[in-house]
Protein backbone atom coordinates (compact mmCIF):
# COMPACT_ATOMS: atom_id res chain seq x y z
CA MET A 1 186.04 125.61 74.38
CA ALA A 2 187.51 126.84 77.67
CA VAL A 3 186.06 123.83 79.48
CA SER A 4 187.40 121.47 76.81
CA LEU A 5 190.89 122.95 76.93
CA GLN A 6 190.94 122.77 80.71
CA TYR A 7 189.86 119.13 80.55
CA LEU A 8 192.47 118.21 77.93
CA SER A 9 195.31 119.89 79.78
CA LYS A 10 194.43 118.51 83.21
CA GLN A 11 197.43 117.96 85.44
CA PRO A 12 198.51 114.32 85.70
CA GLY A 13 196.93 112.65 88.64
CA GLN A 14 193.88 114.93 88.68
CA GLY A 15 191.01 112.62 87.96
CA MET A 16 193.24 110.13 86.14
CA LYS A 17 191.76 107.15 87.94
CA ALA A 18 188.28 108.34 87.08
CA VAL A 19 189.26 108.61 83.44
CA LYS A 20 190.52 105.05 83.39
CA LYS A 21 187.58 103.60 85.27
CA THR A 22 184.55 105.49 83.99
CA ASN A 23 185.55 107.79 81.13
CA TYR A 24 187.70 105.55 78.96
CA LEU A 25 185.29 106.05 76.07
CA ILE A 26 186.27 109.73 76.12
CA GLU A 27 189.90 108.81 75.51
CA PHE A 28 188.98 106.89 72.36
CA SER A 29 186.76 109.77 71.25
CA LEU A 30 189.76 112.09 71.70
CA LEU A 31 191.88 109.65 69.69
CA GLY A 32 189.37 109.95 66.85
CA LEU A 33 189.37 113.75 67.18
CA LEU A 34 193.18 113.77 67.05
CA ALA A 35 193.03 111.72 63.85
CA ILE A 36 190.62 114.27 62.35
CA LEU A 37 192.80 117.22 63.35
CA TRP A 38 196.02 115.69 62.00
CA GLY A 39 194.26 114.17 58.99
CA SER A 40 192.95 117.60 57.97
CA SER A 41 196.50 118.97 58.08
CA TYR A 42 197.24 117.35 54.71
CA PHE A 43 194.41 119.32 53.11
CA LEU A 44 195.49 122.56 54.78
CA LEU A 45 199.13 121.97 53.86
CA LYS A 46 198.16 121.44 50.22
CA ILE A 47 196.42 124.83 50.15
CA ALA A 48 199.14 126.76 51.98
CA VAL A 49 202.28 125.17 50.54
CA SER A 50 201.30 126.14 46.99
CA GLU A 51 202.11 129.75 47.95
CA ILE A 52 204.31 129.44 51.04
CA PRO A 53 207.62 127.48 50.96
CA PRO A 54 207.62 124.34 53.19
CA LEU A 55 210.19 125.58 55.72
CA THR A 56 208.46 128.94 56.15
CA LEU A 57 205.08 127.25 56.42
CA ILE A 58 206.39 124.92 59.14
CA ALA A 59 207.85 127.93 60.99
CA ILE A 60 204.50 129.75 60.74
CA ARG A 61 202.70 126.63 61.94
CA ALA A 62 204.93 126.30 65.00
CA THR A 63 204.81 130.02 65.82
CA ILE A 64 201.01 130.26 65.64
CA ALA A 65 200.70 127.15 67.80
CA ALA A 66 203.22 128.50 70.33
CA LEU A 67 201.36 131.81 70.66
CA PHE A 68 197.97 130.11 70.96
CA LEU A 69 199.23 127.67 73.58
CA GLN A 70 201.03 130.41 75.51
CA ALA A 71 197.73 132.32 75.72
CA ILE A 72 196.07 129.22 77.18
CA LEU A 73 198.97 128.82 79.62
CA ILE A 74 198.55 132.40 80.83
CA HIS A 75 194.78 131.97 81.13
CA ARG A 76 195.30 128.85 83.26
CA LYS A 77 197.95 130.66 85.34
CA GLU A 78 200.53 128.00 84.56
CA SER A 79 204.18 128.59 83.70
CA LEU A 80 206.87 126.86 81.73
CA PRO A 81 209.51 124.87 83.62
CA ARG A 82 212.62 126.84 84.52
CA ASP A 83 215.10 124.05 85.16
CA CYS A 84 217.61 123.43 82.39
CA LYS A 85 217.07 119.67 82.31
CA THR A 86 213.36 119.89 81.48
CA ARG A 87 213.99 122.63 78.93
CA ARG A 88 216.57 120.45 77.19
CA GLN A 89 214.10 117.56 77.18
CA LEU A 90 211.43 119.78 75.62
CA LEU A 91 213.91 120.74 72.90
CA VAL A 92 214.49 117.05 72.16
CA GLN A 93 210.73 116.48 72.09
CA ALA A 94 210.39 119.43 69.69
CA PHE A 95 212.89 117.80 67.34
CA PHE A 96 211.06 114.46 67.33
CA ASN A 97 207.57 115.96 67.13
CA ALA A 98 208.12 118.87 64.78
CA ILE A 99 211.51 120.21 63.73
CA GLY A 100 212.97 116.95 62.42
CA ALA A 101 209.78 115.06 61.55
CA TRP A 102 208.02 117.89 59.68
CA THR A 103 211.13 118.96 57.77
CA ILE A 104 212.18 115.51 56.62
CA LEU A 105 208.62 114.55 55.65
CA ALA A 106 208.18 117.79 53.69
CA TRP A 107 211.41 117.06 51.83
CA GLY A 108 210.56 113.42 51.16
CA GLN A 109 207.06 114.14 49.85
CA GLN A 110 208.60 116.12 47.00
CA TYR A 111 209.83 112.82 45.54
CA VAL A 112 207.20 110.28 46.65
CA ASP A 113 203.59 109.95 45.50
CA SER A 114 201.14 111.02 48.19
CA GLY A 115 199.56 107.55 48.44
CA LEU A 116 202.85 105.79 49.10
CA ALA A 117 203.92 108.59 51.44
CA SER A 118 200.73 108.06 53.45
CA VAL A 119 201.44 104.35 53.79
CA LEU A 120 205.04 104.93 54.84
CA ASN A 121 203.94 107.68 57.26
CA SER A 122 201.48 105.22 58.86
CA THR A 123 204.21 102.88 60.08
CA SER A 124 204.87 104.79 63.33
CA PRO A 125 202.90 102.32 65.54
CA ILE A 126 205.19 99.50 64.33
CA PHE A 127 208.25 101.59 65.16
CA VAL A 128 206.78 102.33 68.61
CA PHE A 129 206.36 98.60 69.19
CA LEU A 130 209.91 97.82 68.07
CA TYR A 131 211.45 100.64 70.14
CA THR A 132 209.50 99.50 73.19
CA PHE A 133 210.20 95.79 72.74
CA LEU A 134 213.92 96.16 71.99
CA PHE A 135 214.93 99.12 74.15
CA THR A 136 212.62 101.05 76.45
CA ARG A 137 210.19 98.39 77.81
CA HIS A 138 208.10 101.24 79.27
CA GLU A 139 204.84 99.52 78.24
CA SER A 140 203.70 95.97 77.67
CA THR A 141 204.60 94.63 74.21
CA THR A 142 202.28 91.75 73.49
CA ALA A 143 201.94 89.76 70.30
CA LEU A 144 198.38 91.10 70.09
CA LYS A 145 199.64 94.68 69.94
CA PHE A 146 202.14 93.85 67.22
CA PHE A 147 199.47 92.03 65.24
CA GLY A 148 197.21 95.06 65.65
CA ALA A 149 199.96 97.37 64.37
CA CYS A 150 200.52 95.21 61.29
CA LEU A 151 196.77 94.80 60.75
CA GLY A 152 196.24 98.56 60.89
CA LEU A 153 198.99 99.11 58.31
CA LEU A 154 197.40 96.50 56.04
CA GLY A 155 194.10 98.38 56.36
CA VAL A 156 195.80 101.61 55.27
CA VAL A 157 197.28 99.86 52.21
CA LEU A 158 193.86 98.48 51.25
CA ILE A 159 192.18 101.88 51.67
CA ILE A 160 194.74 103.80 49.64
CA GLY A 161 195.19 101.03 47.06
CA VAL A 162 197.60 98.13 46.82
CA ASP A 163 198.97 99.58 43.59
CA VAL A 164 200.75 102.33 45.58
CA LEU A 165 203.26 99.70 46.70
CA ALA A 166 204.40 99.33 43.09
CA GLY A 167 206.53 102.42 43.65
CA LEU A 168 208.56 100.81 46.43
CA GLY A 169 212.23 100.72 45.58
CA GLN A 170 211.99 103.76 43.33
CA GLN A 171 213.03 107.23 44.52
CA VAL A 172 214.59 105.52 47.52
CA ALA A 173 215.80 108.73 49.19
CA GLY A 174 212.27 110.16 49.35
CA GLN A 175 210.88 106.89 50.70
CA MET A 176 213.59 106.66 53.33
CA ALA A 177 212.78 110.24 54.35
CA ALA A 178 209.09 109.38 54.76
CA LEU A 179 210.03 106.34 56.87
CA ALA A 180 212.46 108.40 58.92
CA GLY A 181 209.66 110.86 59.63
CA ALA A 182 207.47 108.00 60.85
CA MET A 183 210.33 106.78 63.05
CA LEU A 184 210.67 110.23 64.60
CA TYR A 185 206.92 110.40 65.24
CA GLY A 186 207.12 106.96 66.83
CA TYR A 187 209.94 107.89 69.17
CA ALA A 188 208.21 111.19 69.99
CA ALA A 189 205.31 109.18 71.42
CA ILE A 190 207.76 107.27 73.64
CA TYR A 191 209.91 110.23 74.65
CA GLY A 192 206.79 112.20 75.58
CA LYS A 193 206.12 109.76 78.44
CA ARG A 194 208.80 111.49 80.51
CA PHE A 195 206.64 114.63 80.83
CA SER A 196 204.08 112.94 83.06
CA ASN A 197 204.83 115.50 85.79
CA LEU A 198 203.82 118.37 83.47
CA SER A 199 200.37 119.29 82.24
CA SER A 200 199.57 118.75 78.57
CA THR A 201 199.43 122.52 78.07
CA VAL A 202 202.94 123.06 79.45
CA THR A 203 204.44 120.22 77.41
CA ALA A 204 202.75 121.31 74.18
CA THR A 205 203.69 124.97 74.70
CA GLY A 206 207.33 124.24 75.49
CA THR A 207 207.60 121.95 72.48
CA MET A 208 206.20 124.55 70.08
CA ILE A 209 208.23 127.43 71.51
CA TRP A 210 211.43 125.47 70.90
CA SER A 211 210.22 124.58 67.40
CA ALA A 212 209.57 128.24 66.59
CA ILE A 213 212.95 129.30 68.00
CA VAL A 214 214.75 126.88 65.68
CA LEU A 215 212.54 127.16 62.58
CA ILE A 216 212.09 130.94 62.33
CA PRO A 217 215.81 131.75 61.77
CA ALA A 218 216.09 128.85 59.31
CA SER A 219 213.09 130.20 57.39
CA LEU A 220 214.48 133.75 57.31
CA LEU A 221 217.85 132.52 56.11
CA ILE A 222 216.67 130.08 53.44
CA ASP A 223 213.27 131.26 52.18
CA GLN A 224 213.43 135.05 52.73
CA PRO A 225 209.67 135.11 53.44
CA TRP A 226 209.43 138.92 53.28
CA ASN A 227 209.27 138.50 49.50
CA LEU A 228 206.15 136.33 49.68
CA ASP A 229 202.66 137.57 48.82
CA PRO A 230 200.27 134.75 49.82
CA THR A 231 196.53 134.93 49.18
CA THR A 232 193.89 135.06 51.89
CA ASN A 233 193.14 131.35 51.41
CA ALA A 234 196.78 130.41 52.02
CA ILE A 235 196.95 132.61 55.14
CA LEU A 236 193.71 131.16 56.54
CA ALA A 237 194.96 127.63 55.86
CA ALA A 238 198.20 128.39 57.72
CA LEU A 239 196.23 129.82 60.66
CA ALA A 240 193.96 126.76 60.83
CA LEU A 241 197.01 124.52 60.57
CA GLY A 242 198.70 126.24 63.50
CA ILE A 243 195.67 126.50 65.79
CA PHE A 244 193.68 123.34 65.14
CA SER A 245 196.03 120.81 63.53
CA THR A 246 198.93 121.74 65.81
CA ALA A 247 198.07 123.56 69.05
CA PHE A 248 194.75 121.92 69.85
CA ALA A 249 195.97 118.58 68.47
CA LEU A 250 199.06 118.61 70.70
CA LEU A 251 196.93 119.19 73.80
CA ILE A 252 195.08 115.99 72.95
CA TYR A 253 198.27 114.17 71.93
CA PHE A 254 200.15 114.72 75.19
CA ARG A 255 197.06 113.83 77.20
CA LEU A 256 196.62 110.55 75.31
CA ILE A 257 200.28 109.61 75.81
CA LYS A 258 199.44 109.50 79.52
CA THR A 259 196.10 107.68 79.20
CA LEU A 260 196.40 105.37 76.17
CA GLY A 261 200.18 105.04 76.10
CA SER A 262 202.70 105.42 73.28
CA MET A 263 201.31 102.76 70.96
CA GLY A 264 197.76 103.83 71.68
CA VAL A 265 198.31 107.42 70.64
CA ALA A 266 200.41 106.33 67.64
CA SER A 267 197.52 104.18 66.39
CA GLN A 268 195.69 107.32 65.26
CA ALA A 269 197.93 107.09 62.16
CA TYR A 270 195.57 104.37 60.93
CA LEU A 271 192.42 106.25 61.90
CA ARG A 272 193.49 109.32 59.89
CA VAL A 273 193.08 107.44 56.63
CA ALA A 274 189.77 105.87 57.69
CA ILE A 275 188.39 109.27 58.71
CA ALA A 276 189.51 110.82 55.42
CA VAL A 277 187.47 108.21 53.56
CA ALA A 278 184.45 108.75 55.85
CA LEU A 279 184.59 112.52 55.28
CA GLY A 280 184.72 111.94 51.53
CA VAL A 281 181.57 109.82 51.71
CA ILE A 282 179.72 112.36 53.87
CA PHE A 283 180.70 115.61 52.17
CA LEU A 284 181.88 114.68 48.66
CA ASP A 285 179.32 111.97 47.84
CA GLU A 286 182.09 109.42 47.32
CA ARG A 287 181.37 105.70 47.42
CA ILE A 288 183.14 103.00 49.37
CA THR A 289 184.25 100.02 47.30
CA LEU A 290 184.40 96.53 48.76
CA VAL A 291 188.19 96.64 49.08
CA VAL A 292 188.13 100.06 50.76
CA GLY A 293 185.38 98.84 53.11
CA ILE A 294 187.50 95.84 54.09
CA GLY A 295 190.45 98.19 54.56
CA LEU A 296 188.42 100.46 56.85
CA MET A 297 187.33 97.54 59.01
CA THR A 298 190.88 96.19 59.07
CA ALA A 299 192.39 99.54 60.12
CA ILE A 300 189.82 100.03 62.88
CA ALA A 301 190.36 96.46 64.08
CA GLY A 302 194.09 97.14 64.25
CA VAL A 303 193.52 100.23 66.40
CA ALA A 304 191.21 98.23 68.69
CA LEU A 305 193.77 95.45 69.14
CA ILE A 306 196.55 97.91 69.92
CA ASN A 307 194.47 99.48 72.69
CA LEU A 308 192.56 96.44 73.93
CA PRO A 309 195.06 95.24 76.61
CA GLN A 310 195.26 98.67 78.24
CA ARG A 311 191.51 99.03 78.07
CA SER A 312 191.00 95.71 79.76
CA LEU A 313 193.43 96.54 82.53
CA ALA A 314 191.85 99.95 83.02
CA THR A 315 188.38 98.56 83.60
CA LYS A 316 189.36 96.03 86.28
């Protein structure tokens, strides 16, 4: 684990050319691992949120992640940036990645069926493309990438079931909240590019510390968590959510922003659904229907198309 964490949080520029030339397969393996870690968060959230209010659970998630990442930072003898500009930027990143996105999604999912929420939450690669094409231009925006983003979303719809779209137009506020969360996730992937001078560990730690600083007082004020009496299962789910689905996942996330780019790392939104289906087949003896199989292939093809141009350039 120590070797893995050191590899994931490698300083930019250390071995980056080697990664692009000879270890690019590792980056796609990490993309799949990130999809697993974030995909499992829905299961963990379902267990924990039944006994812990959403805002308090998000605060716990951020705090556990911040403490875990700070321990890694100390072990690696790294420190957080002290200049005010970088600290302000980390606060903005915390809003896009966690404070705003998690809160608005948690609110919206109270009014939207989980299937439709998953589809709406999978639109972040399209938002990344639009942001990049219209405003930032920090990466290439080819027609192939846009087609891949749309193809991946189509795959998600096929996997979850076309009938989930029947709810579009109903409970509009909840649907807009789910879309807004996806937009925030999309912009987080773009905004995170400005931390190329920081290691993944520093960026992830700073982001979670800011999240905890904002979310803990809000939780104390609104939920009064001292009155809660959660079971062991809920506590263990919250711990796993903070350590694996947040801290470890963010180490991978900020690394992949540097190696695969904003759209590349956002494409894991499609893989999350595909991996959930695969896990169901392996562990729950579920069967893949023809439509779901087509959806899986479509989603994976979308991810491949999004990343193909960068991959080709990297291997030259």
